[in-house]
Amino acid sequence: MRSITQEGFSVLMKPTFRFGLSLLALATLTSLPSFAQDWVRTGSGLGNARIRLAAADFKSVGADPQTPALKATFDSTLFNDLQNAGVFDLVSKSFNPQGMPGSQQEINLSQWSADPANV
């Protein structure tokens, strides 16, 4: 007559039991949460210098009474969107040259690249 430990050992030695046990262990391990995670850095300006930029207010064109209000809304929206983008170092409007450009030919780049705007 065999002892209980010898019978248990003989069951453990059967290949089908070992295969089933390994499948159970594999299923248990794959269902546990993984504690090792990959870290991905996302964002803007990750080690890169920000671009120094200035946003000029534009000239009002036209005689429509709504033009000044729409121009002010456009100018403030443009400035705020560029400032909140996180990519640009936006220069304060107080540093901008005095003239408001109405076209590309009216922009004097030497004024904008000189101090205090320095863009």
PDB file of N, CA and C in Angstrom:
ATOM      1  N   MET A   1       0.830  -1.173   0.000  1.00  0.00           N
ATOM      2  CA  MET A   1       0.000   0.000   0.000  1.00  0.00           C
ATOM      3  C   MET A   1       0.877   1.240   0.000  1.00  0.00           C
ATOM      4  N   ARG A   2       0.536   2.203  -0.823  1.00  0.00           N
ATOM      5  CA  ARG A   2       1.331   3.418  -0.945  1.00  0.00           C
ATOM      6  C   ARG A   2       0.861   4.462   0.050  1.00  0.00           C
ATOM      7  N   SER A   3       1.789   5.348   0.360  1.00  0.00           N
ATOM      8  CA  SER A   3       1.405   6.449   1.247  1.00  0.00           C
ATOM      9  C   SER A   3       0.783   7.573   0.415  1.00  0.00           C
ATOM     10  N   ILE A   4       0.179   8.550   1.098  1.00  0.00           N
ATOM     11  CA  ILE A   4      -0.498   9.654   0.416  1.00  0.00           C
ATOM     12  C   ILE A   4       0.511  10.500  -0.356  1.00  0.00           C
ATOM     13  N   THR A   5       1.672  10.721   0.192  1.00  0.00           N
ATOM     14  CA  THR A   5       2.670  11.546  -0.483  1.00  0.00           C
ATOM     15  C   THR A   5       3.165  10.878  -1.746  1.00  0.00           C
ATOM     16  N   GLN A   6       3.283   9.558  -1.750  1.00  0.00           N
ATOM     17  CA  GLN A   6       3.733   8.876  -2.953  1.00  0.00           C
ATOM     18  C   GLN A   6       2.677   8.961  -4.048  1.00  0.00           C
ATOM     19  N   GLU A   7       1.391   8.894  -3.683  1.00  0.00           N
ATOM     20  CA  GLU A   7       0.325   9.008  -4.679  1.00  0.00           C
ATOM     21  C   GLU A   7       0.276  10.417  -5.245  1.00  0.00           C
ATOM     22  N   GLY A   8       0.428  11.423  -4.390  1.00  0.00           N
ATOM     23  CA  GLY A   8       0.431  12.813  -4.857  1.00  0.00           C
ATOM     24  C   GLY A   8       1.599  13.082  -5.786  1.00  0.00           C
ATOM     25  N   PHE A   9       2.736  12.500  -5.467  1.00  0.00           N
ATOM     26  CA  PHE A   9       3.918  12.682  -6.288  1.00  0.00           C
ATOM     27  C   PHE A   9       3.743  12.033  -7.650  1.00  0.00           C
ATOM     28  N   SER A  10       3.103  10.898  -7.702  1.00  0.00           N
ATOM     29  CA  SER A  10       2.912  10.210  -8.980  1.00  0.00           C
ATOM     30  C   SER A  10       1.938  10.989  -9.867  1.00  0.00           C
ATOM     31  N   VAL A  11       0.944  11.675  -9.264  1.00  0.00           N
ATOM     32  CA  VAL A  11       0.021  12.505 -10.037  1.00  0.00           C
ATOM     33  C   VAL A  11       0.771  13.694 -10.618  1.00  0.00           C
ATOM     34  N   LEU A  12       1.671  14.297  -9.830  1.00  0.00           N
ATOM     35  CA  LEU A  12       2.437  15.448 -10.281  1.00  0.00           C
ATOM     36  C   LEU A  12       3.387  15.114 -11.413  1.00  0.00           C
ATOM     37  N   MET A  13       3.782  13.879 -11.509  1.00  0.00           N
ATOM     38  CA  MET A  13       4.740  13.478 -12.533  1.00  0.00           C
ATOM     39  C   MET A  13       4.087  13.195 -13.884  1.00  0.00           C
ATOM     40  N   LYS A  14       2.766  13.135 -13.949  1.00  0.00           N
ATOM     41  CA  LYS A  14       2.095  12.859 -15.219  1.00  0.00           C
ATOM     42  C   LYS A  14       2.215  14.087 -16.130  1.00  0.00           C
ATOM     43  N   PRO A  15       2.519  13.903 -17.419  1.00  0.00           N
ATOM     44  CA  PRO A  15       2.702  15.027 -18.347  1.00  0.00           C
ATOM     45  C   PRO A  15       1.439  15.869 -18.536  1.00  0.00           C
ATOM     46  N   THR A  16       0.291  15.257 -18.550  1.00  0.00           N
ATOM     47  CA  THR A  16      -0.935  16.041 -18.748  1.00  0.00           C
ATOM     48  C   THR A  16      -1.197  16.958 -17.571  1.00  0.00           C
ATOM     49  N   PHE A  17      -0.902  16.498 -16.370  1.00  0.00           N
ATOM     50  CA  PHE A  17      -1.093  17.334 -15.191  1.00  0.00           C
ATOM     51  C   PHE A  17      -0.116  18.510 -15.214  1.00  0.00           C
ATOM     52  N   ARG A  18       1.136  18.248 -15.569  1.00  0.00           N
ATOM     53  CA  ARG A  18       2.128  19.324 -15.615  1.00  0.00           C
ATOM     54  C   ARG A  18       1.764  20.347 -16.695  1.00  0.00           C
ATOM     55  N   PHE A  19       1.248  19.899 -17.828  1.00  0.00           N
ATOM     56  CA  PHE A  19       0.840  20.804 -18.891  1.00  0.00           C
ATOM     57  C   PHE A  19      -0.329  21.687 -18.433  1.00  0.00           C
ATOM     58  N   GLY A  20      -1.309  21.069 -17.783  1.00  0.00           N
ATOM     59  CA  GLY A  20      -2.458  21.820 -17.271  1.00  0.00           C
ATOM     60  C   GLY A  20      -2.030  22.829 -16.211  1.00  0.00           C
ATOM     61  N   LEU A  21      -1.098  22.434 -15.355  1.00  0.00           N
ATOM     62  CA  LEU A  21      -0.603  23.325 -14.315  1.00  0.00           C
ATOM     63  C   LEU A  21       0.151  24.512 -14.921  1.00  0.00           C
ATOM     64  N   SER A  22       0.923  24.247 -15.966  1.00  0.00           N
ATOM     65  CA  SER A  22       1.654  25.342 -16.608  1.00  0.00           C
ATOM     66  C   SER A  22       0.699  26.301 -17.319  1.00  0.00           C
ATOM     67  N   LEU A  23      -0.371  25.785 -17.922  1.00  0.00           N
ATOM     68  CA  LEU A  23      -1.375  26.654 -18.541  1.00  0.00           C
ATOM     69  C   LEU A  23      -2.077  27.511 -17.494  1.00  0.00           C
ATOM     70  N   LEU A  24      -2.386  26.942 -16.348  1.00  0.00           N
ATOM     71  CA  LEU A  24      -3.025  27.679 -15.267  1.00  0.00           C
ATOM     72  C   LEU A  24      -2.097  28.787 -14.761  1.00  0.00           C
ATOM     73  N   ALA A  25      -0.827  28.478 -14.611  1.00  0.00           N
ATOM     74  CA  ALA A  25       0.141  29.487 -14.158  1.00  0.00           C
ATOM     75  C   ALA A  25       0.286  30.597 -15.191  1.00  0.00           C
ATOM     76  N   LEU A  26       0.311  30.251 -16.460  1.00  0.00           N
ATOM     77  CA  LEU A  26       0.435  31.248 -17.519  1.00  0.00           C
ATOM     78  C   LEU A  26      -0.789  32.154 -17.557  1.00  0.00           C
ATOM     79  N   ALA A  27      -1.974  31.581 -17.420  1.00  0.00           N
ATOM     80  CA  ALA A  27      -3.200  32.382 -17.418  1.00  0.00           C
ATOM     81  C   ALA A  27      -3.240  33.316 -16.222  1.00  0.00           C
ATOM     82  N   THR A  28      -2.773  32.852 -15.090  1.00  0.00           N
ATOM     83  CA  THR A  28      -2.753  33.686 -13.884  1.00  0.00           C
ATOM     84  C   THR A  28      -1.778  34.845 -14.046  1.00  0.00           C
ATOM     85  N   LEU A  29      -0.617  34.577 -14.590  1.00  0.00           N
ATOM     86  CA  LEU A  29       0.392  35.624 -14.743  1.00  0.00           C
ATOM     87  C   LEU A  29      -0.007  36.668 -15.778  1.00  0.00           C
ATOM     88  N   THR A  30      -0.673  36.251 -16.844  1.00  0.00           N
ATOM     89  CA  THR A  30      -1.064  37.220 -17.867  1.00  0.00           C
ATOM     90  C   THR A  30      -2.250  38.068 -17.434  1.00  0.00           C
ATOM     91  N   SER A  31      -3.019  37.610 -16.467  1.00  0.00           N
ATOM     92  CA  SER A  31      -4.161  38.395 -16.016  1.00  0.00           C
ATOM     93  C   SER A  31      -3.782  39.412 -14.943  1.00  0.00           C
ATOM     94  N   LEU A  32      -2.602  39.310 -14.376  1.00  0.00           N
ATOM     95  CA  LEU A  32      -2.158  40.278 -13.378  1.00  0.00           C
ATOM     96  C   LEU A  32      -1.761  41.581 -14.056  1.00  0.00           C
ATOM     97  N   PRO A  33      -1.978  42.716 -13.368  1.00  0.00           N
ATOM     98  CA  PRO A  33      -1.568  43.987 -13.982  1.00  0.00           C
ATOM     99  C   PRO A  33      -0.047  44.074 -14.088  1.00  0.00           C
ATOM    100  N   SER A  34       0.389  44.692 -15.132  1.00  0.00           N
ATOM    101  CA  SER A  34       1.820  44.846 -15.354  1.00  0.00           C
ATOM    102  C   SER A  34       2.321  46.056 -14.584  1.00  0.00           C
ATOM    103  N   PHE A  35       3.344  45.880 -13.798  1.00  0.00           N
ATOM    104  CA  PHE A  35       3.889  46.974 -13.011  1.00  0.00           C
ATOM    105  C   PHE A  35       5.019  47.684 -13.748  1.00  0.00           C
ATOM    106  N   ALA A  36       5.573  47.061 -14.736  1.00  0.00           N
ATOM    107  CA  ALA A  36       6.609  47.708 -15.536  1.00  0.00           C
ATOM    108  C   ALA A  36       5.928  48.451 -16.677  1.00  0.00           C
ATOM    109  N   GLN A  37       6.156  49.755 -16.759  1.00  0.00           N
ATOM    110  CA  GLN A  37       5.515  50.554 -17.788  1.00  0.00           C
ATOM    111  C   GLN A  37       6.578  51.290 -18.584  1.00  0.00           C
ATOM    112  N   ASP A  38       6.279  51.474 -19.860  1.00  0.00           N
ATOM    113  CA  ASP A  38       7.146  52.294 -20.691  1.00  0.00           C
ATOM    114  C   ASP A  38       6.720  53.744 -20.527  1.00  0.00           C
ATOM    115  N   TRP A  39       7.675  54.636 -20.403  1.00  0.00           N
ATOM    116  CA  TRP A  39       7.386  56.053 -20.247  1.00  0.00           C
ATOM    117  C   TRP A  39       7.617  56.733 -21.582  1.00  0.00           C
ATOM    118  N   VAL A  40       6.628  57.485 -22.018  1.00  0.00           N
ATOM    119  CA  VAL A  40       6.726  58.223 -23.264  1.00  0.00           C
ATOM    120  C   VAL A  40       6.604  59.706 -22.930  1.00  0.00           C
ATOM    121  N   ARG A  41       7.622  60.476 -23.328  1.00  0.00           N
ATOM    122  CA  ARG A  41       7.587  61.915 -23.090  1.00  0.00           C
ATOM    123  C   ARG A  41       6.877  62.589 -24.246  1.00  0.00           C
ATOM    124  N   THR A  42       5.814  63.305 -23.923  1.00  0.00           N
ATOM    125  CA  THR A  42       5.100  64.052 -24.945  1.00  0.00           C
ATOM    126  C   THR A  42       5.038  65.509 -24.520  1.00  0.00           C
ATOM    127  N   GLY A  43       4.848  66.335 -25.457  1.00  0.00           N
ATOM    128  CA  GLY A  43       4.725  67.752 -25.159  1.00  0.00           C
ATOM    129  C   GLY A  43       5.447  68.581 -26.192  1.00  0.00           C
ATOM    130  N   SER A  44       5.500  69.855 -25.920  1.00  0.00           N
ATOM    131  CA  SER A  44       6.177  70.751 -26.845  1.00  0.00           C
ATOM    132  C   SER A  44       7.382  71.349 -26.146  1.00  0.00           C
ATOM    133  N   GLY A  45       8.391  71.667 -26.895  1.00  0.00           N
ATOM    134  CA  GLY A  45       9.580  72.290 -26.337  1.00  0.00           C
ATOM    135  C   GLY A  45      10.396  71.338 -25.489  1.00  0.00           C
ATOM    136  N   LEU A  46      10.499  70.085 -25.873  1.00  0.00           N
ATOM    137  CA  LEU A  46      11.262  69.115 -25.100  1.00  0.00           C
ATOM    138  C   LEU A  46      12.750  69.287 -25.386  1.00  0.00           C
ATOM    139  N   GLY A  47      13.352  70.257 -24.713  1.00  0.00           N
ATOM    140  CA  GLY A  47      14.764  70.507 -24.887  1.00  0.00           C
ATOM    141  C   GLY A  47      15.090  71.441 -26.027  1.00  0.00           C
ATOM    142  N   ASN A  48      14.102  71.889 -26.772  1.00  0.00           N
ATOM    143  CA  ASN A  48      14.328  72.809 -27.871  1.00  0.00           C
ATOM    144  C   ASN A  48      14.060  74.234 -27.416  1.00  0.00           C
ATOM    145  N   ALA A  49      14.821  75.164 -27.952  1.00  0.00           N
ATOM    146  CA  ALA A  49      14.604  76.567 -27.624  1.00  0.00           C
ATOM    147  C   ALA A  49      13.311  77.043 -28.271  1.00  0.00           C
ATOM    148  N   ARG A  50      12.585  77.886 -27.560  1.00  0.00           N
ATOM    149  CA  ARG A  50      11.351  78.437 -28.110  1.00  0.00           C
ATOM    150  C   ARG A  50      11.685  79.487 -29.169  1.00  0.00           C
ATOM    151  N   ILE A  51      10.822  79.624 -30.123  1.00  0.00           N
ATOM    152  CA  ILE A  51      10.989  80.590 -31.191  1.00  0.00           C
ATOM    153  C   ILE A  51      10.488  81.937 -30.687  1.00  0.00           C
ATOM    154  N   ARG A  52      11.342  82.951 -30.753  1.00  0.00           N
ATOM    155  CA  ARG A  52      10.948  84.294 -30.327  1.00  0.00           C
ATOM    156  C   ARG A  52      10.133  84.916 -31.450  1.00  0.00           C
ATOM    157  N   LEU A  53       8.919  85.365 -31.126  1.00  0.00           N
ATOM    158  CA  LEU A  53       7.971  85.794 -32.142  1.00  0.00           C
ATOM    159  C   LEU A  53       7.225  87.016 -31.642  1.00  0.00           C
ATOM    160  N   ALA A  54       6.828  87.871 -32.565  1.00  0.00           N
ATOM    161  CA  ALA A  54       5.990  89.029 -32.251  1.00  0.00           C
ATOM    162  C   ALA A  54       4.772  88.993 -33.164  1.00  0.00           C
ATOM    163  N   ALA A  55       3.629  89.373 -32.626  1.00  0.00           N
ATOM    164  CA  ALA A  55       2.397  89.427 -33.410  1.00  0.00           C
ATOM    165  C   ALA A  55       1.956  90.886 -33.492  1.00  0.00           C
ATOM    166  N   ALA A  56       1.975  91.439 -34.691  1.00  0.00           N
ATOM    167  CA  ALA A  56       1.612  92.841 -34.885  1.00  0.00           C
ATOM    168  C   ALA A  56       0.102  92.985 -34.983  1.00  0.00           C
ATOM    169  N   ASP A  57      -0.390  94.107 -34.486  1.00  0.00           N
ATOM    170  CA  ASP A  57      -1.778  94.465 -34.749  1.00  0.00           C
ATOM    171  C   ASP A  57      -1.853  94.977 -36.177  1.00  0.00           C
ATOM    172  N   PHE A  58      -2.940  94.678 -36.855  1.00  0.00           N
ATOM    173  CA  PHE A  58      -3.069  95.045 -38.254  1.00  0.00           C
ATOM    174  C   PHE A  58      -3.903  96.309 -38.410  1.00  0.00           C
ATOM    175  N   LYS A  59      -3.707  96.997 -39.515  1.00  0.00           N
ATOM    176  CA  LYS A  59      -4.456  98.212 -39.808  1.00  0.00           C
ATOM    177  C   LYS A  59      -5.908  97.878 -40.081  1.00  0.00           C
ATOM    178  N   SER A  60      -6.773  98.792 -39.688  1.00  0.00           N
ATOM    179  CA  SER A  60      -8.184  98.663 -40.037  1.00  0.00           C
ATOM    180  C   SER A  60      -8.368  99.083 -41.482  1.00  0.00           C
ATOM    181  N   VAL A  61      -9.105  98.302 -42.220  1.00  0.00           N
ATOM    182  CA  VAL A  61      -9.359  98.604 -43.621  1.00  0.00           C
ATOM    183  C   VAL A  61     -10.864  98.603 -43.822  1.00  0.00           C
ATOM    184  N   GLY A  62     -11.382  99.636 -44.441  1.00  0.00           N
ATOM    185  CA  GLY A  62     -12.807  99.696 -44.740  1.00  0.00           C
ATOM    186  C   GLY A  62     -13.524 100.673 -43.821  1.00  0.00           C
ATOM    187  N   ALA A  63     -14.714 101.064 -44.242  1.00  0.00           N
ATOM    188  CA  ALA A  63     -15.491 102.051 -43.502  1.00  0.00           C
ATOM    189  C   ALA A  63     -16.621 101.422 -42.696  1.00  0.00           C
ATOM    190  N   ASP A  64     -16.676 100.109 -42.653  1.00  0.00           N
ATOM    191  CA  ASP A  64     -17.732  99.430 -41.913  1.00  0.00           C
ATOM    192  C   ASP A  64     -17.580  99.732 -40.430  1.00  0.00           C
ATOM    193  N   PRO A  65     -18.650 100.105 -39.725  1.00  0.00           N
ATOM    194  CA  PRO A  65     -18.541 100.432 -38.296  1.00  0.00           C
ATOM    195  C   PRO A  65     -18.152  99.226 -37.420  1.00  0.00           C
ATOM    196  N   GLN A  66     -18.326  97.998 -37.916  1.00  0.00           N
ATOM    197  CA  GLN A  66     -17.952  96.818 -37.144  1.00  0.00           C
ATOM    198  C   GLN A  66     -16.475  96.477 -37.281  1.00  0.00           C
ATOM    199  N   THR A  67     -15.793  97.084 -38.223  1.00  0.00           N
ATOM    200  CA  THR A  67     -14.397  96.744 -38.495  1.00  0.00           C
ATOM    201  C   THR A  67     -13.489  96.899 -37.278  1.00  0.00           C
ATOM    202  N   PRO A  68     -13.534  98.003 -36.518  1.00  0.00           N
ATOM    203  CA  PRO A  68     -12.632  98.110 -35.357  1.00  0.00           C
ATOM    204  C   PRO A  68     -12.854  97.015 -34.312  1.00  0.00           C
ATOM    205  N   ALA A  69     -14.098  96.662 -34.050  1.00  0.00           N
ATOM    206  CA  ALA A  69     -14.382  95.613 -33.064  1.00  0.00           C
ATOM    207  C   ALA A  69     -13.908  94.247 -33.563  1.00  0.00           C
ATOM    208  N   LEU A  70     -14.136  93.958 -34.838  1.00  0.00           N
ATOM    209  CA  LEU A  70     -13.699  92.680 -35.406  1.00  0.00           C
ATOM    210  C   LEU A  70     -12.173  92.611 -35.466  1.00  0.00           C
ATOM    211  N   LYS A  71     -11.513  93.725 -35.796  1.00  0.00           N
ATOM    212  CA  LYS A  71     -10.058  93.771 -35.844  1.00  0.00           C
ATOM    213  C   LYS A  71      -9.469  93.552 -34.461  1.00  0.00           C
ATOM    214  N   ALA A  72     -10.049  94.167 -33.438  1.00  0.00           N
ATOM    215  CA  ALA A  72      -9.563  93.985 -32.072  1.00  0.00           C
ATOM    216  C   ALA A  72      -9.722  92.533 -31.622  1.00  0.00           C
ATOM    217  N   THR A  73     -10.835  91.910 -31.983  1.00  0.00           N
ATOM    218  CA  THR A  73     -11.062  90.499 -31.654  1.00  0.00           C
ATOM    219  C   THR A  73     -10.058  89.606 -32.371  1.00  0.00           C
ATOM    220  N   PHE A  74      -9.815  89.893 -33.654  1.00  0.00           N
ATOM    221  CA  PHE A  74      -8.851  89.105 -34.413  1.00  0.00           C
ATOM    222  C   PHE A  74      -7.455  89.248 -33.819  1.00  0.00           C
ATOM    223  N   ASP A  75      -7.033  90.476 -33.547  1.00  0.00           N
ATOM    224  CA  ASP A  75      -5.684  90.712 -33.015  1.00  0.00           C
ATOM    225  C   ASP A  75      -5.472  90.025 -31.671  1.00  0.00           C
ATOM    226  N   SER A  76      -6.456  90.122 -30.784  1.00  0.00           N
ATOM    227  CA  SER A  76      -6.303  89.489 -29.464  1.00  0.00           C
ATOM    228  C   SER A  76      -6.355  87.966 -29.565  1.00  0.00           C
ATOM    229  N   THR A  77      -7.185  87.431 -30.459  1.00  0.00           N
ATOM    230  CA  THR A  77      -7.257  85.978 -30.638  1.00  0.00           C
ATOM    231  C   THR A  77      -5.949  85.433 -31.196  1.00  0.00           C
ATOM    232  N   LEU A  78      -5.393  86.118 -32.185  1.00  0.00           N
ATOM    233  CA  LEU A  78      -4.119  85.694 -32.760  1.00  0.00           C
ATOM    234  C   LEU A  78      -3.021  85.696 -31.704  1.00  0.00           C
ATOM    235  N   PHE A  79      -2.929  86.775 -30.939  1.00  0.00           N
ATOM    236  CA  PHE A  79      -1.900  86.881 -29.908  1.00  0.00           C
ATOM    237  C   PHE A  79      -2.063  85.781 -28.852  1.00  0.00           C
ATOM    238  N   ASN A  80      -3.280  85.590 -28.364  1.00  0.00           N
ATOM    239  CA  ASN A  80      -3.529  84.587 -27.320  1.00  0.00           C
ATOM    240  C   ASN A  80      -3.277  83.162 -27.811  1.00  0.00           C
ATOM    241  N   ASP A  81      -3.674  82.863 -29.045  1.00  0.00           N
ATOM    242  CA  ASP A  81      -3.443  81.514 -29.585  1.00  0.00           C
ATOM    243  C   ASP A  81      -1.952  81.221 -29.722  1.00  0.00           C
ATOM    244  N   LEU A  82      -1.184  82.187 -30.200  1.00  0.00           N
ATOM    245  CA  LEU A  82       0.261  81.990 -30.326  1.00  0.00           C
ATOM    246  C   LEU A  82       0.924  81.857 -28.959  1.00  0.00           C
ATOM    247  N   GLN A  83       0.462  82.654 -28.004  1.00  0.00           N
ATOM    248  CA  GLN A  83       1.036  82.621 -26.657  1.00  0.00           C
ATOM    249  C   GLN A  83       0.730  81.302 -25.951  1.00  0.00           C
ATOM    250  N   ASN A  84      -0.460  80.776 -26.143  1.00  0.00           N
ATOM    251  CA  ASN A  84      -0.866  79.538 -25.468  1.00  0.00           C
ATOM    252  C   ASN A  84      -0.432  78.277 -26.198  1.00  0.00           C
ATOM    253  N   ALA A  85       0.176  78.420 -27.368  1.00  0.00           N
ATOM    254  CA  ALA A  85       0.626  77.243 -28.124  1.00  0.00           C
ATOM    255  C   ALA A  85       1.755  76.516 -27.405  1.00  0.00           C
ATOM    256  N   GLY A  86       2.537  77.220 -26.600  1.00  0.00           N
ATOM    257  CA  GLY A  86       3.628  76.588 -25.868  1.00  0.00           C
ATOM    258  C   GLY A  86       4.882  76.374 -26.687  1.00  0.00           C
ATOM    259  N   VAL A  87       4.913  76.889 -27.904  1.00  0.00           N
ATOM    260  CA  VAL A  87       6.056  76.706 -28.783  1.00  0.00           C
ATOM    261  C   VAL A  87       6.833  78.009 -28.946  1.00  0.00           C
ATOM    262  N   PHE A  88       6.139  79.133 -28.780  1.00  0.00           N
ATOM    263  CA  PHE A  88       6.730  80.431 -29.045  1.00  0.00           C
ATOM    264  C   PHE A  88       7.008  81.205 -27.763  1.00  0.00           C
ATOM    265  N   ASP A  89       8.050  82.027 -27.822  1.00  0.00           N
ATOM    266  CA  ASP A  89       8.322  83.009 -26.776  1.00  0.00           C
ATOM    267  C   ASP A  89       7.814  84.325 -27.341  1.00  0.00           C
ATOM    268  N   LEU A  90       6.575  84.682 -27.019  1.00  0.00           N
ATOM    269  CA  LEU A  90       5.922  85.824 -27.629  1.00  0.00           C
ATOM    270  C   LEU A  90       6.337  87.115 -26.936  1.00  0.00           C
ATOM    271  N   VAL A  91       6.735  88.091 -27.747  1.00  0.00           N
ATOM    272  CA  VAL A  91       7.169  89.387 -27.253  1.00  0.00           C
ATOM    273  C   VAL A  91       5.937  90.208 -26.894  1.00  0.00           C
ATOM    274  N   SER A  92       6.024  90.944 -25.798  1.00  0.00           N
ATOM    275  CA  SER A  92       4.928  91.809 -25.399  1.00  0.00           C
ATOM    276  C   SER A  92       4.666  92.846 -26.480  1.00  0.00           C
ATOM    277  N   LYS A  93       3.400  93.217 -26.659  1.00  0.00           N
ATOM    278  CA  LYS A  93       3.046  94.181 -27.701  1.00  0.00           C
ATOM    279  C   LYS A  93       3.642  95.557 -27.434  1.00  0.00           C
ATOM    280  N   SER A  94       4.032  95.831 -26.205  1.00  0.00           N
ATOM    281  CA  SER A  94       4.641  97.131 -25.908  1.00  0.00           C
ATOM    282  C   SER A  94       6.028  97.256 -26.526  1.00  0.00           C
ATOM    283  N   PHE A  95       6.661  96.153 -26.903  1.00  0.00           N
ATOM    284  CA  PHE A  95       7.981  96.176 -27.535  1.00  0.00           C
ATOM    285  C   PHE A  95       7.899  96.262 -29.063  1.00  0.00           C
ATOM    286  N   ASN A  96       6.714  96.127 -29.635  1.00  0.00           N
ATOM    287  CA  ASN A  96       6.561  96.172 -31.087  1.00  0.00           C
ATOM    288  C   ASN A  96       6.859  97.575 -31.614  1.00  0.00           C
ATOM    289  N   PRO A  97       7.385  97.679 -32.834  1.00  0.00           N
ATOM    290  CA  PRO A  97       7.554  98.998 -33.457  1.00  0.00           C
ATOM    291  C   PRO A  97       6.205  99.703 -33.598  1.00  0.00           C
ATOM    292  N   GLN A  98       6.239 101.017 -33.723  1.00  0.00           N
ATOM    293  CA  GLN A  98       5.019 101.832 -33.684  1.00  0.00           C
ATOM    294  C   GLN A  98       4.070 101.608 -34.850  1.00  0.00           C
ATOM    295  N   GLY A  99       4.563 101.452 -36.053  1.00  0.00           N
ATOM    296  CA  GLY A  99       3.679 101.355 -37.215  1.00  0.00           C
ATOM    297  C   GLY A  99       2.927 100.048 -37.283  1.00  0.00           C
ATOM    298  N   MET A 100       1.637 100.134 -37.655  1.00  0.00           N
ATOM    299  CA  MET A 100       0.841  98.923 -37.862  1.00  0.00           C
ATOM    300  C   MET A 100       0.910  98.547 -39.333  1.00  0.00           C
ATOM    301  N   PRO A 101       1.388  97.359 -39.651  1.00  0.00           N
ATOM    302  CA  PRO A 101       1.474  96.985 -41.067  1.00  0.00           C
ATOM    303  C   PRO A 101       0.097  96.641 -41.637  1.00  0.00           C
ATOM    304  N   GLY A 102      -0.103  97.065 -42.877  1.00  0.00           N
ATOM    305  CA  GLY A 102      -1.333  96.725 -43.579  1.00  0.00           C
ATOM    306  C   GLY A 102      -1.068  95.742 -44.696  1.00  0.00           C
ATOM    307  N   SER A 103       0.196  95.599 -45.061  1.00  0.00           N
ATOM    308  CA  SER A 103       0.588  94.649 -46.100  1.00  0.00           C
ATOM    309  C   SER A 103       2.026  94.217 -45.828  1.00  0.00           C
ATOM    310  N   GLN A 104       2.478  93.253 -46.576  1.00  0.00           N
ATOM    311  CA  GLN A 104       3.828  92.734 -46.389  1.00  0.00           C
ATOM    312  C   GLN A 104       4.885  93.801 -46.688  1.00  0.00           C
ATOM    313  N   GLN A 105       4.621  94.672 -47.637  1.00  0.00           N
ATOM    314  CA  GLN A 105       5.581  95.696 -48.002  1.00  0.00           C
ATOM    315  C   GLN A 105       5.740  96.756 -46.910  1.00  0.00           C
ATOM    316  N   GLU A 106       4.774  96.893 -46.034  1.00  0.00           N
ATOM    317  CA  GLU A 106       4.829  97.904 -44.978  1.00  0.00           C
ATOM    318  C   GLU A 106       5.589  97.431 -43.741  1.00  0.00           C
ATOM    319  N   ILE A 107       6.011  96.193 -43.710  1.00  0.00           N
ATOM    320  CA  ILE A 107       6.746  95.673 -42.559  1.00  0.00           C
ATOM    321  C   ILE A 107       8.232  95.985 -42.745  1.00  0.00           C
ATOM    322  N   ASN A 108       8.808  96.673 -41.776  1.00  0.00           N
ATOM    323  CA  ASN A 108      10.233  96.987 -41.792  1.00  0.00           C
ATOM    324  C   ASN A 108      10.929  95.960 -40.891  1.00  0.00           C
ATOM    325  N   LEU A 109      11.522  94.940 -41.497  1.00  0.00           N
ATOM    326  CA  LEU A 109      12.110  93.838 -40.734  1.00  0.00           C
ATOM    327  C   LEU A 109      13.270  94.281 -39.852  1.00  0.00           C
ATOM    328  N   SER A 110      14.003  95.317 -40.261  1.00  0.00           N
ATOM    329  CA  SER A 110      15.119  95.778 -39.424  1.00  0.00           C
ATOM    330  C   SER A 110      14.611  96.367 -38.107  1.00  0.00           C
ATOM    331  N   GLN A 111      13.430  96.995 -38.116  1.00  0.00           N
ATOM    332  CA  GLN A 111      12.849  97.509 -36.862  1.00  0.00           C
ATOM    333  C   GLN A 111      12.441  96.363 -35.941  1.00  0.00           C
ATOM    334  N   TRP A 112      11.907  95.307 -36.520  1.00  0.00           N
ATOM    335  CA  TRP A 112      11.449  94.191 -35.715  1.00  0.00           C
ATOM    336  C   TRP A 112      12.616  93.363 -35.159  1.00  0.00           C
ATOM    337  N   SER A 113      13.714  93.306 -35.891  1.00  0.00           N
ATOM    338  CA  SER A 113      14.848  92.499 -35.417  1.00  0.00           C
ATOM    339  C   SER A 113      15.757  93.266 -34.464  1.00  0.00           C
ATOM    340  N   ALA A 114      15.591  94.592 -34.374  1.00  0.00           N
ATOM    341  CA  ALA A 114      16.391  95.403 -33.446  1.00  0.00           C
ATOM    342  C   ALA A 114      15.743  95.389 -32.057  1.00  0.00           C
ATOM    343  N   ASP A 115      16.506  95.857 -31.065  1.00  0.00           N
ATOM    344  CA  ASP A 115      15.953  95.966 -29.721  1.00  0.00           C
ATOM    345  C   ASP A 115      14.828  96.990 -29.722  1.00  0.00           C
ATOM    346  N   PRO A 116      13.829  96.900 -28.916  1.00  0.00           N
ATOM    347  CA  PRO A 116      13.586  95.930 -27.853  1.00  0.00           C
ATOM    348  C   PRO A 116      12.842  94.671 -28.300  1.00  0.00           C
ATOM    349  N   ALA A 117      12.250  94.678 -29.507  1.00  0.00           N
ATOM    350  CA  ALA A 117      11.491  93.485 -29.937  1.00  0.00           C
ATOM    351  C   ALA A 117      12.428  92.309 -30.146  1.00  0.00           C
ATOM    352  N   ASN A 118      13.488  92.492 -30.899  1.00  0.00           N
ATOM    353  CA  ASN A 118      14.536  91.482 -31.103  1.00  0.00           C
ATOM    354  C   ASN A 118      13.957  90.134 -31.533  1.00  0.00           C
ATOM    355  N   VAL A 119      13.134  90.191 -32.586  1.00  0.00           N
ATOM    356  CA  VAL A 119      12.531  88.940 -33.077  1.00  0.00           C
ATOM    357  C   VAL A 119      13.050  88.606 -34.455  1.00  0.00           C
TER     358      VAL A 119
END
